[in-house]
C-alpha atoms as a PDB file:
ATOM      1  CA  MET A   1     189.901 152.713-101.601  1.00  0.00           C
ATOM      2  CA  SER A   2     189.574 150.725 -98.349  1.00  0.00           C
ATOM      3  CA  THR A   3     192.063 149.999 -95.873  1.00  0.00           C
ATOM      4  CA  GLU A   4     190.294 147.336 -93.855  1.00  0.00           C
ATOM      5  CA  HIS A   5     192.396 144.195 -93.794  1.00  0.00           C
ATOM      6  CA  VAL A   6     190.000 140.756 -93.900  1.00  0.00           C
ATOM      7  CA  ASP A   7     192.164 138.214 -92.234  1.00  0.00           C
ATOM      8  CA  PRO A   8     191.272 134.547 -93.755  1.00  0.00           C
ATOM      9  CA  GLY A   9     192.367 132.958 -90.590  1.00  0.00           C
ATOM     10  CA  HIS A  10     195.504 131.428 -92.241  1.00  0.00           C
ATOM     11  CA  GLY A  11     194.993 128.057 -90.458  1.00  0.00           C
ATOM     12  CA  HIS A  12     195.540 129.277 -86.875  1.00  0.00           C
ATOM     13  CA  SER A  13     192.859 126.699 -85.463  1.00  0.00           C
ATOM     14  CA  PRO A  14     193.641 123.389 -83.666  1.00  0.00           C
ATOM     15  CA  ALA A  15     192.503 121.562 -86.586  1.00  0.00           C
ATOM     16  CA  ALA A  16     195.280 122.845 -88.704  1.00  0.00           C
ATOM     17  CA  TRP A  17     197.960 122.638 -86.094  1.00  0.00           C
ATOM     18  CA  THR A  18     197.007 118.987 -85.293  1.00  0.00           C
ATOM     19  CA  ALA A  19     196.783 118.342 -88.866  1.00  0.00           C
ATOM     20  CA  VAL A  20     200.153 119.561 -89.526  1.00  0.00           C
ATOM     21  CA  VAL A  21     201.728 118.263 -86.454  1.00  0.00           C
ATOM     22  CA  ILE A  22     200.722 114.823 -87.540  1.00  0.00           C
ATOM     23  CA  MET A  23     201.752 115.184 -91.036  1.00  0.00           C
ATOM     24  CA  LEU A  24     205.061 116.746 -89.877  1.00  0.00           C
ATOM     25  CA  LEU A  25     205.888 113.570 -87.963  1.00  0.00           C
ATOM     26  CA  ALA A  26     204.927 111.284 -90.782  1.00  0.00           C
ATOM     27  CA  PHE A  27     206.964 113.049 -93.080  1.00  0.00           C
ATOM     28  CA  THR A  28     210.027 113.194 -90.591  1.00  0.00           C
ATOM     29  CA  ILE A  29     209.858 109.212 -89.989  1.00  0.00           C
ATOM     30  CA  GLY A  30     209.361 108.529 -93.639  1.00  0.00           C
ATOM     31  CA  THR A  31     212.305 110.360 -94.546  1.00  0.00           C
ATOM     32  CA  VAL A  32     214.331 108.704 -92.031  1.00  0.00           C
ATOM     33  CA  ALA A  33     212.573 105.587 -92.904  1.00  0.00           C
ATOM     34  CA  PHE A  34     213.431 105.874 -96.567  1.00  0.00           C
ATOM     35  CA  PHE A  35     217.266 106.823 -95.613  1.00  0.00           C
ATOM     36  CA  LEU A  36     217.424 103.640 -93.660  1.00  0.00           C
ATOM     37  CA  ASP A  37     215.755 101.483 -96.383  1.00  0.00           C
ATOM     38  CA  VAL A  38     212.916 100.242 -94.242  1.00  0.00           C
ATOM     39  CA  GLN A  39     210.384  99.762 -96.626  1.00  0.00           C
ATOM     40  CA  TRP A  40     207.148  98.834 -94.194  1.00  0.00           C
ATOM     41  CA  LEU A  41     207.816 102.186 -91.952  1.00  0.00           C
ATOM     42  CA  VAL A  42     207.951 104.453 -95.098  1.00  0.00           C
ATOM     43  CA  TRP A  43     204.752 103.145 -95.992  1.00  0.00           C
ATOM     44  CA  ALA A  44     203.403 103.418 -92.532  1.00  0.00           C
ATOM     45  CA  SER A  45     204.289 106.917 -92.623  1.00  0.00           C
ATOM     46  CA  VAL A  46     202.456 107.456 -95.708  1.00  0.00           C
ATOM     47  CA  VAL A  47     199.431 106.041 -94.204  1.00  0.00           C
ATOM     48  CA  LEU A  48     199.968 108.499 -91.211  1.00  0.00           C
ATOM     49  CA  LEU A  49     200.465 111.094 -93.487  1.00  0.00           C
ATOM     50  CA  VAL A  50     196.454 110.283 -94.741  1.00  0.00           C
ATOM     51  CA  VAL A  51     195.548 109.751 -91.106  1.00  0.00           C
ATOM     52  CA  GLY A  52     196.846 113.451 -90.391  1.00  0.00           C
ATOM     53  CA  LEU A  53     194.813 114.734 -93.463  1.00  0.00           C
ATOM     54  CA  VAL A  54     192.058 113.125 -92.292  1.00  0.00           C
ATOM     55  CA  VAL A  55     191.899 114.075 -88.612  1.00  0.00           C
ATOM     56  CA  GLY A  56     192.570 117.831 -90.054  1.00  0.00           C
ATOM     57  CA  TRP A  57     189.339 117.410 -91.976  1.00  0.00           C
ATOM     58  CA  ALA A  58     187.372 115.883 -89.030  1.00  0.00           C
ATOM     59  CA  LEU A  59     188.302 118.225 -86.282  1.00  0.00           C
ATOM     60  CA  ALA A  60     187.611 121.169 -88.744  1.00  0.00           C
ATOM     61  CA  ARG A  61     183.796 119.618 -89.446  1.00  0.00           C
ATOM     62  CA  ALA A  62     183.722 119.295 -85.469  1.00  0.00           C
ATOM     63  CA  GLY A  63     184.046 123.018 -85.019  1.00  0.00           C
ATOM     64  CA  TYR A  64     187.605 123.288 -84.308  1.00  0.00           C
ATOM     65  CA  GLY A  65     188.579 124.741 -87.786  1.00  0.00           C
ATOM     66  CA  VAL A  66     189.122 128.446 -88.873  1.00  0.00           C
ATOM     67  CA  ASP A  67     185.923 130.306 -87.570  1.00  0.00           C
ATOM     68  CA  GLY A  68     184.781 127.279 -85.652  1.00  0.00           C
ATOM     69  CA  ASP A  69     181.885 126.688 -83.454  1.00  0.00           C
ATOM     70  CA  LYS A  70     184.702 125.747 -80.769  1.00  0.00           C
ATOM     71  CA  VAL A  71     187.353 127.936 -81.345  1.00  0.00           C
ATOM     72  CA  ALA A  72     187.708 131.229 -79.193  1.00  0.00           C
ATOM     73  CA  PRO A  73     189.092 134.335 -81.697  1.00  0.00           C
ATOM     74  CA  LYS A  74     192.279 135.648 -80.581  1.00  0.00           C
ATOM     75  CA  ALA A  75     192.278 139.505 -80.602  1.00  0.00           C
ATOM     76  CA  HIS A  76     195.569 140.888 -82.377  1.00  0.00           C
END
C-alpha cells in the first residue's frame, strides 16, 4: 500500500478564486434583490453569475487554473 498522497489541487488557483468571488457577489446581490423585490437586479445577478463562470473558465484556459502555465506552485 502506498502512503503517497496526490493533491488534485482543489481549485487553489487564481482562476478558481476569481470565479468564486464573482459568483458569491452575484449570489449575495441576487438574494438581497429578491428580498427587496427588485426583479431586474435579480436577473442582473443571474447574468453576473454566468459571467463569473465564464471568467473562471477563460482564466483556466489562459493558464491560471490548477497546474496552469502561469501559476507558481506553493510548497506545502
